[in-house]
Amino acid sequence: MGPLELLGHPVRLRIVHALRGGRMLTTAELGERVPDISKATLYRHVDLLAGGGILEVAEERRVRGAVERRYRLRLDRASITPEMAEQVTVDDHRQGFGVAVAALVAEFNAYLDRDGADPISDLVGYRQHAVWLSREELLRLIEGMRAAILPVLSNEAAPGRARYLLSPILFPVEEQSHSLAGERQNDVPQGEGETDVNH
């Protein structure tokens, strides 16, 4: 199984999320972070990720006659390279988006099911904005988002830090229309098309 296939499953994607930030976790510790996944399912997917080189054994120790393994993420294998991205088909995108959304829904439900979950004090937010952009404006928006996100991607787990899931999603919902685009920029009231659920 290649990286695209390995990362193309909601459970495996959640395992990868849980190990980001330089964490080294046993399968039991991973299970505490994804409590809605059965042990058998979790072990099977950890084995697949380790066999595919996305996880590696960082430490081994003997506990009550059994070998306990602590896993860490191989960052060089846990992402889609630009070369891989060029080979992605429309059907691959369809499947990958479905996996990403399924993982996101599962993570959000697991958060809400935790004792003491408080979306207001935790500043939980999910927003959708419908915006009109030229190609140049789109590129500036993407660069601005990257500039905001990239510096924190290398943060490691530390006291005072909680793990957040940030999932930027961007795609055109209409084909470009030269005549309509000019009219809409003048006609749309400020704020139209924005769905903001952010506490």
N, C-alpha and C. Protein backbone atom coordinates (compact mmCIF):
# COMPACT_ATOMS: atom_id res chain seq x y z
N MET A 1 0.83 -1.19 0.00
CA MET A 1 0.00 0.00 0.00
C MET A 1 0.87 1.25 0.00
N GLY A 2 0.60 2.18 -0.91
CA GLY A 2 1.35 3.43 -0.95
C GLY A 2 0.79 4.45 0.02
N PRO A 3 1.47 5.61 0.15
CA PRO A 3 1.02 6.64 1.10
C PRO A 3 -0.41 7.10 0.86
N LEU A 4 -0.81 7.24 -0.41
CA LEU A 4 -2.17 7.69 -0.69
C LEU A 4 -3.21 6.72 -0.13
N GLU A 5 -2.98 5.43 -0.35
CA GLU A 5 -3.89 4.41 0.16
C GLU A 5 -3.85 4.35 1.69
N LEU A 6 -2.64 4.42 2.24
CA LEU A 6 -2.50 4.31 3.69
C LEU A 6 -3.17 5.47 4.41
N LEU A 7 -3.03 6.67 3.85
CA LEU A 7 -3.63 7.84 4.49
C LEU A 7 -5.11 7.99 4.12
N GLY A 8 -5.56 7.18 3.16
CA GLY A 8 -6.92 7.29 2.66
C GLY A 8 -7.93 6.48 3.44
N HIS A 9 -7.86 6.53 4.76
CA HIS A 9 -8.84 5.86 5.61
C HIS A 9 -9.03 6.71 6.86
N PRO A 10 -10.28 6.96 7.27
CA PRO A 10 -10.50 7.86 8.41
C PRO A 10 -9.81 7.44 9.70
N VAL A 11 -9.77 6.14 9.99
CA VAL A 11 -9.12 5.70 11.23
C VAL A 11 -7.62 5.94 11.15
N ARG A 12 -7.01 5.61 10.03
CA ARG A 12 -5.56 5.81 9.90
C ARG A 12 -5.22 7.30 9.92
N LEU A 13 -6.08 8.12 9.32
CA LEU A 13 -5.86 9.56 9.35
C LEU A 13 -5.92 10.10 10.78
N ARG A 14 -6.82 9.58 11.58
CA ARG A 14 -6.94 10.01 12.98
C ARG A 14 -5.72 9.57 13.80
N ILE A 15 -5.18 8.40 13.50
CA ILE A 15 -3.97 7.94 14.18
C ILE A 15 -2.81 8.88 13.86
N VAL A 16 -2.70 9.26 12.59
CA VAL A 16 -1.65 10.19 12.18
C VAL A 16 -1.82 11.52 12.90
N HIS A 17 -3.05 12.04 12.96
CA HIS A 17 -3.29 13.30 13.69
C HIS A 17 -2.85 13.18 15.15
N ALA A 18 -3.16 12.05 15.78
CA ALA A 18 -2.86 11.87 17.21
C ALA A 18 -1.37 11.85 17.48
N LEU A 19 -0.57 11.43 16.49
CA LEU A 19 0.87 11.30 16.70
C LEU A 19 1.66 12.55 16.27
N ARG A 20 0.97 13.52 15.70
CA ARG A 20 1.69 14.74 15.30
C ARG A 20 2.19 15.50 16.52
N GLY A 21 3.15 16.36 16.30
CA GLY A 21 3.71 17.14 17.41
C GLY A 21 4.83 16.43 18.13
N GLY A 22 5.47 15.46 17.45
CA GLY A 22 6.61 14.76 18.04
C GLY A 22 6.24 13.75 19.10
N ARG A 23 4.97 13.36 19.15
CA ARG A 23 4.53 12.40 20.17
C ARG A 23 5.05 11.00 19.89
N MET A 24 5.29 10.26 20.97
CA MET A 24 5.59 8.83 20.90
C MET A 24 4.58 8.14 21.80
N LEU A 25 3.71 7.33 21.21
CA LEU A 25 2.61 6.73 21.96
C LEU A 25 2.53 5.23 21.73
N THR A 26 2.11 4.51 22.76
CA THR A 26 1.80 3.08 22.61
C THR A 26 0.41 2.97 21.97
N THR A 27 0.07 1.77 21.54
CA THR A 27 -1.26 1.57 20.96
C THR A 27 -2.33 1.84 22.03
N ALA A 28 -2.05 1.47 23.28
CA ALA A 28 -3.01 1.73 24.36
C ALA A 28 -3.21 3.24 24.55
N GLU A 29 -2.12 4.01 24.48
CA GLU A 29 -2.24 5.47 24.62
C GLU A 29 -2.97 6.09 23.43
N LEU A 30 -2.73 5.53 22.24
CA LEU A 30 -3.49 5.98 21.08
C LEU A 30 -4.98 5.72 21.29
N GLY A 31 -5.30 4.55 21.87
CA GLY A 31 -6.69 4.20 22.12
C GLY A 31 -7.39 5.19 23.03
N GLU A 32 -6.64 5.81 23.96
CA GLU A 32 -7.23 6.81 24.84
C GLU A 32 -7.60 8.08 24.07
N ARG A 33 -6.89 8.32 22.97
CA ARG A 33 -7.13 9.53 22.18
C ARG A 33 -8.18 9.33 21.10
N VAL A 34 -8.47 8.07 20.78
CA VAL A 34 -9.55 7.76 19.83
C VAL A 34 -10.45 6.70 20.47
N PRO A 35 -11.13 7.05 21.56
CA PRO A 35 -11.85 6.05 22.36
C PRO A 35 -13.03 5.40 21.65
N ASP A 36 -13.48 5.98 20.54
CA ASP A 36 -14.62 5.42 19.81
C ASP A 36 -14.20 4.31 18.85
N ILE A 37 -12.91 4.03 18.76
CA ILE A 37 -12.40 2.98 17.86
C ILE A 37 -12.06 1.74 18.70
N SER A 38 -12.52 0.57 18.26
CA SER A 38 -12.25 -0.65 19.02
C SER A 38 -10.76 -0.97 19.02
N LYS A 39 -10.31 -1.72 20.03
CA LYS A 39 -8.90 -2.09 20.13
C LYS A 39 -8.45 -2.89 18.93
N ALA A 40 -9.27 -3.85 18.50
CA ALA A 40 -8.89 -4.70 17.36
C ALA A 40 -8.71 -3.86 16.10
N THR A 41 -9.62 -2.91 15.87
CA THR A 41 -9.52 -2.04 14.69
C THR A 41 -8.29 -1.16 14.78
N LEU A 42 -8.05 -0.61 15.96
CA LEU A 42 -6.89 0.27 16.16
C LEU A 42 -5.59 -0.49 15.92
N TYR A 43 -5.45 -1.67 16.49
CA TYR A 43 -4.24 -2.47 16.31
C TYR A 43 -4.01 -2.78 14.83
N ARG A 44 -5.10 -3.12 14.13
CA ARG A 44 -4.97 -3.47 12.71
C ARG A 44 -4.45 -2.28 11.90
N HIS A 45 -4.98 -1.10 12.17
CA HIS A 45 -4.56 0.08 11.40
C HIS A 45 -3.17 0.57 11.80
N VAL A 46 -2.82 0.43 13.06
CA VAL A 46 -1.44 0.76 13.48
C VAL A 46 -0.46 -0.17 12.76
N ASP A 47 -0.78 -1.46 12.68
CA ASP A 47 0.08 -2.41 11.97
C ASP A 47 0.24 -2.03 10.50
N LEU A 48 -0.86 -1.61 9.87
CA LEU A 48 -0.79 -1.21 8.45
C LEU A 48 0.09 0.03 8.27
N LEU A 49 -0.08 1.02 9.16
CA LEU A 49 0.74 2.23 9.07
C LEU A 49 2.22 1.95 9.34
N ALA A 50 2.49 1.07 10.29
CA ALA A 50 3.88 0.70 10.59
C ALA A 50 4.47 -0.10 9.42
N GLY A 51 3.69 -1.03 8.89
CA GLY A 51 4.16 -1.82 7.76
C GLY A 51 4.43 -0.98 6.53
N GLY A 52 3.66 0.11 6.37
CA GLY A 52 3.84 0.99 5.23
C GLY A 52 4.88 2.08 5.45
N GLY A 53 5.51 2.08 6.63
CA GLY A 53 6.58 3.04 6.89
C GLY A 53 6.13 4.40 7.35
N ILE A 54 4.83 4.60 7.58
CA ILE A 54 4.36 5.91 8.04
C ILE A 54 4.56 6.05 9.55
N LEU A 55 4.47 4.93 10.27
CA LEU A 55 4.84 4.89 11.68
C LEU A 55 6.11 4.07 11.84
N GLU A 56 6.89 4.40 12.85
CA GLU A 56 8.06 3.59 13.18
C GLU A 56 8.08 3.35 14.68
N VAL A 57 8.70 2.25 15.06
CA VAL A 57 8.84 1.93 16.49
C VAL A 57 9.96 2.78 17.05
N ALA A 58 9.61 3.64 18.01
CA ALA A 58 10.61 4.51 18.63
C ALA A 58 11.26 3.84 19.83
N GLU A 59 10.47 3.04 20.57
CA GLU A 59 10.99 2.36 21.76
C GLU A 59 10.27 1.03 21.92
N GLU A 60 10.97 0.10 22.53
CA GLU A 60 10.36 -1.18 22.90
C GLU A 60 10.76 -1.50 24.33
N ARG A 61 9.82 -2.03 25.10
CA ARG A 61 10.17 -2.49 26.45
C ARG A 61 9.25 -3.65 26.82
N ARG A 62 9.75 -4.49 27.69
CA ARG A 62 8.99 -5.66 28.10
C ARG A 62 8.14 -5.31 29.32
N VAL A 63 6.83 -5.56 29.20
CA VAL A 63 5.89 -5.28 30.29
C VAL A 63 5.10 -6.55 30.57
N ARG A 64 5.29 -7.11 31.74
CA ARG A 64 4.58 -8.34 32.15
C ARG A 64 4.67 -9.43 31.07
N GLY A 65 5.85 -9.63 30.57
CA GLY A 65 6.08 -10.71 29.61
C GLY A 65 5.76 -10.38 28.17
N ALA A 66 5.15 -9.21 27.92
CA ALA A 66 4.82 -8.80 26.55
C ALA A 66 5.70 -7.62 26.15
N VAL A 67 5.89 -7.45 24.86
CA VAL A 67 6.68 -6.32 24.36
C VAL A 67 5.74 -5.15 24.08
N GLU A 68 6.00 -4.02 24.73
CA GLU A 68 5.22 -2.81 24.50
C GLU A 68 6.00 -1.90 23.55
N ARG A 69 5.36 -1.52 22.48
CA ARG A 69 6.01 -0.66 21.48
C ARG A 69 5.44 0.75 21.54
N ARG A 70 6.34 1.70 21.47
CA ARG A 70 5.94 3.12 21.42
C ARG A 70 6.22 3.60 20.00
N TYR A 71 5.19 4.13 19.34
CA TYR A 71 5.30 4.52 17.94
C TYR A 71 5.47 6.03 17.79
N ARG A 72 6.13 6.41 16.70
CA ARG A 72 6.17 7.82 16.32
C ARG A 72 5.93 7.94 14.83
N LEU A 73 5.56 9.14 14.43
CA LEU A 73 5.24 9.42 13.04
C LEU A 73 6.50 9.71 12.25
N ARG A 74 6.59 9.16 11.05
CA ARG A 74 7.66 9.54 10.13
C ARG A 74 7.11 10.65 9.24
N LEU A 75 7.46 11.89 9.56
CA LEU A 75 6.89 13.04 8.88
C LEU A 75 7.16 13.01 7.37
N ASP A 76 8.31 12.45 6.99
CA ASP A 76 8.64 12.40 5.56
C ASP A 76 7.73 11.46 4.78
N ARG A 77 7.04 10.55 5.49
CA ARG A 77 6.15 9.59 4.83
C ARG A 77 4.67 9.89 5.06
N ALA A 78 4.38 10.80 6.00
CA ALA A 78 2.99 11.03 6.41
C ALA A 78 2.35 12.22 5.70
N SER A 79 2.81 12.53 4.52
CA SER A 79 2.21 13.63 3.77
C SER A 79 2.29 13.31 2.28
N ILE A 80 1.48 14.01 1.53
CA ILE A 80 1.44 13.83 0.08
C ILE A 80 2.41 14.82 -0.54
N THR A 81 3.40 14.32 -1.26
CA THR A 81 4.39 15.19 -1.89
C THR A 81 3.79 15.87 -3.12
N PRO A 82 4.39 16.99 -3.58
CA PRO A 82 3.90 17.63 -4.81
C PRO A 82 3.89 16.66 -6.00
N GLU A 83 4.89 15.76 -6.05
CA GLU A 83 4.93 14.79 -7.15
C GLU A 83 3.74 13.84 -7.08
N MET A 84 3.40 13.39 -5.87
CA MET A 84 2.22 12.53 -5.71
C MET A 84 0.95 13.29 -6.07
N ALA A 85 0.87 14.54 -5.65
CA ALA A 85 -0.33 15.34 -5.88
C ALA A 85 -0.61 15.49 -7.38
N GLU A 86 0.45 15.54 -8.18
CA GLU A 86 0.27 15.67 -9.62
C GLU A 86 -0.37 14.43 -10.24
N GLN A 87 -0.25 13.29 -9.57
CA GLN A 87 -0.80 12.03 -10.09
C GLN A 87 -2.22 11.75 -9.59
N VAL A 88 -2.74 12.61 -8.71
CA VAL A 88 -4.04 12.37 -8.10
C VAL A 88 -5.15 12.59 -9.13
N THR A 89 -6.04 11.62 -9.27
CA THR A 89 -7.14 11.71 -10.23
C THR A 89 -8.36 12.35 -9.57
N VAL A 90 -9.36 12.65 -10.40
CA VAL A 90 -10.62 13.20 -9.87
C VAL A 90 -11.24 12.22 -8.88
N ASP A 91 -11.21 10.93 -9.20
CA ASP A 91 -11.77 9.94 -8.28
C ASP A 91 -10.97 9.86 -6.99
N ASP A 92 -9.64 10.02 -7.09
CA ASP A 92 -8.80 10.05 -5.88
C ASP A 92 -9.21 11.23 -4.99
N HIS A 93 -9.45 12.38 -5.62
CA HIS A 93 -9.89 13.56 -4.86
C HIS A 93 -11.24 13.30 -4.19
N ARG A 94 -12.14 12.66 -4.93
CA ARG A 94 -13.47 12.37 -4.38
C ARG A 94 -13.34 11.48 -3.14
N GLN A 95 -12.52 10.43 -3.26
CA GLN A 95 -12.34 9.51 -2.13
C GLN A 95 -11.60 10.19 -0.98
N GLY A 96 -10.54 10.93 -1.30
CA GLY A 96 -9.75 11.60 -0.27
C GLY A 96 -10.56 12.61 0.51
N PHE A 97 -11.42 13.36 -0.19
CA PHE A 97 -12.26 14.34 0.49
C PHE A 97 -13.25 13.64 1.42
N GLY A 98 -13.82 12.53 0.96
CA GLY A 98 -14.74 11.76 1.80
C GLY A 98 -14.06 11.26 3.06
N VAL A 99 -12.82 10.78 2.93
CA VAL A 99 -12.05 10.31 4.08
C VAL A 99 -11.78 11.45 5.06
N ALA A 100 -11.36 12.60 4.51
CA ALA A 100 -11.04 13.75 5.36
C ALA A 100 -12.28 14.21 6.14
N VAL A 101 -13.42 14.26 5.46
CA VAL A 101 -14.66 14.70 6.11
C VAL A 101 -15.10 13.67 7.17
N ALA A 102 -14.99 12.38 6.83
CA ALA A 102 -15.37 11.34 7.79
C ALA A 102 -14.50 11.41 9.04
N ALA A 103 -13.19 11.62 8.85
CA ALA A 103 -12.28 11.74 10.01
C ALA A 103 -12.63 12.98 10.83
N LEU A 104 -12.96 14.07 10.14
CA LEU A 104 -13.30 15.31 10.84
C LEU A 104 -14.58 15.14 11.67
N VAL A 105 -15.60 14.52 11.09
CA VAL A 105 -16.85 14.28 11.82
C VAL A 105 -16.61 13.38 13.03
N ALA A 106 -15.81 12.32 12.84
CA ALA A 106 -15.51 11.40 13.94
C ALA A 106 -14.76 12.11 15.06
N GLU A 107 -13.77 12.93 14.70
CA GLU A 107 -13.01 13.67 15.72
C GLU A 107 -13.91 14.64 16.47
N PHE A 108 -14.81 15.32 15.74
CA PHE A 108 -15.68 16.30 16.38
C PHE A 108 -16.67 15.61 17.32
N ASN A 109 -17.21 14.48 16.90
CA ASN A 109 -18.12 13.74 17.78
C ASN A 109 -17.39 13.22 19.01
N ALA A 110 -16.15 12.74 18.84
CA ALA A 110 -15.37 12.26 19.98
C ALA A 110 -15.12 13.41 20.96
N TYR A 111 -14.86 14.60 20.43
CA TYR A 111 -14.68 15.78 21.30
C TYR A 111 -15.96 16.07 22.08
N LEU A 112 -17.10 16.11 21.37
CA LEU A 112 -18.37 16.43 22.04
C LEU A 112 -18.76 15.38 23.07
N ASP A 113 -18.34 14.13 22.87
CA ASP A 113 -18.68 13.04 23.79
C ASP A 113 -17.81 13.04 25.05
N ARG A 114 -16.73 13.84 25.05
CA ARG A 114 -15.87 13.90 26.24
C ARG A 114 -16.59 14.56 27.39
N ASP A 115 -16.30 14.10 28.59
CA ASP A 115 -16.84 14.77 29.78
C ASP A 115 -16.29 16.19 29.82
N GLY A 116 -17.17 17.14 30.06
CA GLY A 116 -16.72 18.53 30.19
C GLY A 116 -16.47 19.25 28.89
N ALA A 117 -16.85 18.67 27.76
CA ALA A 117 -16.68 19.37 26.48
C ALA A 117 -17.44 20.69 26.54
N ASP A 118 -16.77 21.78 26.19
CA ASP A 118 -17.38 23.11 26.28
C ASP A 118 -17.00 23.90 25.03
N PRO A 119 -17.79 23.77 23.95
CA PRO A 119 -17.43 24.44 22.70
C PRO A 119 -17.26 25.94 22.83
N ILE A 120 -17.99 26.58 23.75
CA ILE A 120 -17.87 28.04 23.87
C ILE A 120 -16.52 28.42 24.47
N SER A 121 -16.16 27.83 25.62
CA SER A 121 -14.88 28.19 26.24
C SER A 121 -13.70 27.64 25.45
N ASP A 122 -13.92 26.55 24.69
CA ASP A 122 -12.84 26.00 23.87
C ASP A 122 -12.68 26.72 22.54
N LEU A 123 -13.50 27.75 22.32
CA LEU A 123 -13.44 28.57 21.09
C LEU A 123 -13.61 27.73 19.83
N VAL A 124 -14.50 26.73 19.92
CA VAL A 124 -14.77 25.88 18.76
C VAL A 124 -15.41 26.72 17.66
N GLY A 125 -14.97 26.51 16.44
CA GLY A 125 -15.56 27.25 15.34
C GLY A 125 -15.59 26.41 14.07
N TYR A 126 -16.62 26.61 13.28
CA TYR A 126 -16.65 26.01 11.94
C TYR A 126 -17.36 27.00 11.05
N ARG A 127 -16.67 27.43 10.03
CA ARG A 127 -17.18 28.51 9.18
C ARG A 127 -17.19 28.08 7.73
N GLN A 128 -18.14 28.61 7.01
CA GLN A 128 -18.14 28.49 5.56
C GLN A 128 -18.40 29.87 4.98
N HIS A 129 -17.55 30.31 4.08
CA HIS A 129 -17.70 31.60 3.42
C HIS A 129 -17.80 31.36 1.92
N ALA A 130 -18.75 32.00 1.27
CA ALA A 130 -18.79 31.99 -0.18
C ALA A 130 -18.22 33.32 -0.65
N VAL A 131 -17.07 33.29 -1.32
CA VAL A 131 -16.38 34.52 -1.71
C VAL A 131 -16.10 34.49 -3.21
N TRP A 132 -16.06 35.67 -3.81
CA TRP A 132 -15.72 35.82 -5.22
C TRP A 132 -14.26 36.23 -5.32
N LEU A 133 -13.46 35.47 -6.06
CA LEU A 133 -12.02 35.71 -6.14
C LEU A 133 -11.52 35.57 -7.56
N SER A 134 -10.63 36.47 -7.94
CA SER A 134 -9.87 36.27 -9.18
C SER A 134 -8.76 35.27 -8.90
N ARG A 135 -8.08 34.81 -9.92
CA ARG A 135 -6.97 33.88 -9.73
C ARG A 135 -5.90 34.50 -8.83
N GLU A 136 -5.61 35.77 -9.06
CA GLU A 136 -4.58 36.45 -8.26
C GLU A 136 -5.01 36.58 -6.81
N GLU A 137 -6.29 36.91 -6.59
CA GLU A 137 -6.80 37.02 -5.22
C GLU A 137 -6.79 35.66 -4.52
N LEU A 138 -7.12 34.61 -5.28
CA LEU A 138 -7.10 33.26 -4.72
C LEU A 138 -5.69 32.89 -4.27
N LEU A 139 -4.70 33.17 -5.10
CA LEU A 139 -3.31 32.85 -4.75
C LEU A 139 -2.86 33.64 -3.52
N ARG A 140 -3.27 34.92 -3.43
CA ARG A 140 -2.91 35.72 -2.26
C ARG A 140 -3.57 35.16 -1.00
N LEU A 141 -4.82 34.71 -1.13
CA LEU A 141 -5.52 34.12 0.01
C LEU A 141 -4.81 32.86 0.48
N ILE A 142 -4.44 31.99 -0.45
CA ILE A 142 -3.75 30.74 -0.09
C ILE A 142 -2.42 31.04 0.58
N GLU A 143 -1.67 31.99 0.03
CA GLU A 143 -0.38 32.34 0.63
C GLU A 143 -0.56 32.91 2.04
N GLY A 144 -1.61 33.72 2.23
CA GLY A 144 -1.88 34.27 3.56
C GLY A 144 -2.24 33.18 4.57
N MET A 145 -3.03 32.20 4.12
CA MET A 145 -3.38 31.08 5.01
C MET A 145 -2.14 30.27 5.35
N ARG A 146 -1.31 30.00 4.35
CA ARG A 146 -0.06 29.26 4.61
C ARG A 146 0.82 30.01 5.60
N ALA A 147 0.94 31.32 5.41
CA ALA A 147 1.79 32.11 6.30
C ALA A 147 1.30 32.05 7.74
N ALA A 148 -0.02 31.93 7.92
CA ALA A 148 -0.58 31.86 9.27
C ALA A 148 -0.42 30.47 9.88
N ILE A 149 -0.53 29.43 9.05
CA ILE A 149 -0.58 28.06 9.56
C ILE A 149 0.81 27.41 9.69
N LEU A 150 1.67 27.62 8.70
CA LEU A 150 2.96 26.91 8.68
C LEU A 150 3.79 27.07 9.95
N PRO A 151 3.88 28.27 10.54
CA PRO A 151 4.73 28.41 11.74
C PRO A 151 4.31 27.52 12.91
N VAL A 152 3.00 27.17 13.02
CA VAL A 152 2.56 26.38 14.17
C VAL A 152 2.55 24.88 13.88
N LEU A 153 2.76 24.48 12.62
CA LEU A 153 2.73 23.05 12.30
C LEU A 153 3.88 22.29 12.96
N SER A 154 4.96 22.98 13.25
CA SER A 154 6.11 22.31 13.87
C SER A 154 6.04 22.32 15.40
N ASN A 155 5.00 22.91 15.97
CA ASN A 155 4.84 22.90 17.44
C ASN A 155 4.79 21.45 17.94
N GLU A 156 5.45 21.21 19.05
CA GLU A 156 5.40 19.88 19.67
C GLU A 156 4.47 19.90 20.87
N ALA A 157 4.02 18.72 21.26
CA ALA A 157 3.18 18.62 22.45
C ALA A 157 3.96 19.15 23.65
N ALA A 158 3.31 19.98 24.47
CA ALA A 158 3.97 20.58 25.62
C ALA A 158 2.92 21.00 26.63
N PRO A 159 3.31 21.13 27.91
CA PRO A 159 2.36 21.61 28.92
C PRO A 159 1.76 22.94 28.48
N GLY A 160 0.45 23.07 28.67
CA GLY A 160 -0.23 24.30 28.28
C GLY A 160 -0.74 24.29 26.86
N ARG A 161 -0.38 23.27 26.09
CA ARG A 161 -0.86 23.16 24.71
C ARG A 161 -1.88 22.05 24.59
N ALA A 162 -2.95 22.31 23.86
CA ALA A 162 -3.94 21.29 23.53
C ALA A 162 -3.82 21.01 22.03
N ARG A 163 -4.22 19.83 21.63
CA ARG A 163 -4.18 19.47 20.20
C ARG A 163 -5.48 19.92 19.55
N TYR A 164 -5.37 20.73 18.51
CA TYR A 164 -6.51 21.21 17.75
C TYR A 164 -6.48 20.61 16.36
N LEU A 165 -7.64 20.45 15.77
CA LEU A 165 -7.72 19.98 14.40
C LEU A 165 -8.16 21.15 13.53
N LEU A 166 -7.30 21.53 12.60
CA LEU A 166 -7.55 22.65 11.70
C LEU A 166 -7.66 22.09 10.29
N SER A 167 -8.78 22.30 9.63
CA SER A 167 -9.02 21.67 8.33
C SER A 167 -9.46 22.69 7.29
N PRO A 168 -8.53 23.43 6.69
CA PRO A 168 -8.93 24.36 5.63
C PRO A 168 -9.42 23.58 4.41
N ILE A 169 -10.55 23.97 3.88
CA ILE A 169 -11.12 23.33 2.68
C ILE A 169 -11.47 24.44 1.70
N LEU A 170 -11.03 24.30 0.47
CA LEU A 170 -11.23 25.36 -0.52
C LEU A 170 -11.47 24.74 -1.87
N PHE A 171 -12.58 25.08 -2.52
CA PHE A 171 -12.81 24.63 -3.89
C PHE A 171 -13.85 25.54 -4.55
N PRO A 172 -13.80 25.67 -5.87
CA PRO A 172 -14.78 26.51 -6.55
C PRO A 172 -16.13 25.82 -6.60
N VAL A 173 -17.20 26.58 -6.37
CA VAL A 173 -18.54 26.00 -6.42
C VAL A 173 -19.30 26.40 -7.68
N GLU A 174 -18.71 27.30 -8.44
CA GLU A 174 -19.27 27.69 -9.73
C GLU A 174 -18.14 27.89 -10.71
N GLU A 175 -18.46 27.72 -11.99
CA GLU A 175 -17.47 28.04 -13.01
C GLU A 175 -17.37 29.55 -13.12
N GLN A 176 -16.20 30.03 -13.56
CA GLN A 176 -16.00 31.46 -13.69
C GLN A 176 -16.89 32.02 -14.78
N SER A 177 -17.54 33.13 -14.46
CA SER A 177 -18.37 33.84 -15.44
C SER A 177 -17.92 35.28 -15.46
N HIS A 178 -17.35 35.72 -16.57
CA HIS A 178 -16.77 37.07 -16.63
C HIS A 178 -17.83 38.14 -16.44
N SER A 179 -18.98 38.00 -17.07
CA SER A 179 -20.01 39.04 -16.96
C SER A 179 -20.64 39.06 -15.57
N LEU A 180 -20.97 37.87 -15.05
CA LEU A 180 -21.62 37.78 -13.75
C LEU A 180 -20.69 38.24 -12.64
N ALA A 181 -19.40 37.89 -12.74
CA ALA A 181 -18.46 38.25 -11.68
C ALA A 181 -18.42 39.74 -11.46
N GLY A 182 -18.41 40.53 -12.55
CA GLY A 182 -18.37 41.98 -12.43
C GLY A 182 -19.62 42.53 -11.78
N GLU A 183 -20.79 41.97 -12.16
CA GLU A 183 -22.05 42.44 -11.59
C GLU A 183 -22.15 42.10 -10.10
N ARG A 184 -21.77 40.88 -9.74
CA ARG A 184 -21.95 40.43 -8.37
C ARG A 184 -21.10 41.25 -7.39
N GLN A 185 -19.90 41.66 -7.83
CA GLN A 185 -19.04 42.42 -6.92
C GLN A 185 -19.74 43.70 -6.47
N ASN A 186 -20.58 44.27 -7.36
CA ASN A 186 -21.27 45.50 -7.01
C ASN A 186 -22.60 45.27 -6.31
N ASP A 187 -23.23 44.11 -6.60
CA ASP A 187 -24.60 43.89 -6.15
C ASP A 187 -24.74 43.16 -4.81
N VAL A 188 -23.74 42.35 -4.41
CA VAL A 188 -23.91 41.51 -3.23
C VAL A 188 -23.74 42.33 -1.96
N PRO A 189 -24.73 42.34 -1.08
CA PRO A 189 -24.58 43.04 0.20
C PRO A 189 -23.45 42.41 1.03
N GLN A 190 -22.79 43.21 1.83
CA GLN A 190 -21.69 42.71 2.64
C GLN A 190 -22.20 41.60 3.56
N GLY A 191 -21.45 40.47 3.58
CA GLY A 191 -21.79 39.37 4.47
C GLY A 191 -22.66 38.32 3.82
N GLU A 192 -23.21 38.59 2.62
CA GLU A 192 -24.07 37.56 1.99
C GLU A 192 -23.23 36.35 1.64
N GLY A 193 -23.82 35.19 1.82
CA GLY A 193 -23.13 33.95 1.46
C GLY A 193 -22.22 33.42 2.54
N GLU A 194 -22.20 34.04 3.69
CA GLU A 194 -21.31 33.60 4.77
C GLU A 194 -22.10 32.85 5.82
N THR A 195 -21.62 31.66 6.14
CA THR A 195 -22.21 30.88 7.23
C THR A 195 -21.17 30.83 8.33
N ASP A 196 -21.46 31.42 9.46
CA ASP A 196 -20.47 31.55 10.53
C ASP A 196 -21.02 30.91 11.79
N VAL A 197 -20.47 29.75 12.15
CA VAL A 197 -20.82 29.14 13.43
C VAL A 197 -19.53 29.09 14.23
N ASN A 198 -19.23 30.13 14.91
CA ASN A 198 -17.95 30.24 15.62
C ASN A 198 -18.20 30.89 16.97
N HIS A 199 -17.97 30.13 18.02
CA HIS A 199 -18.27 30.64 19.37
C HIS A 199 -17.05 31.36 19.93
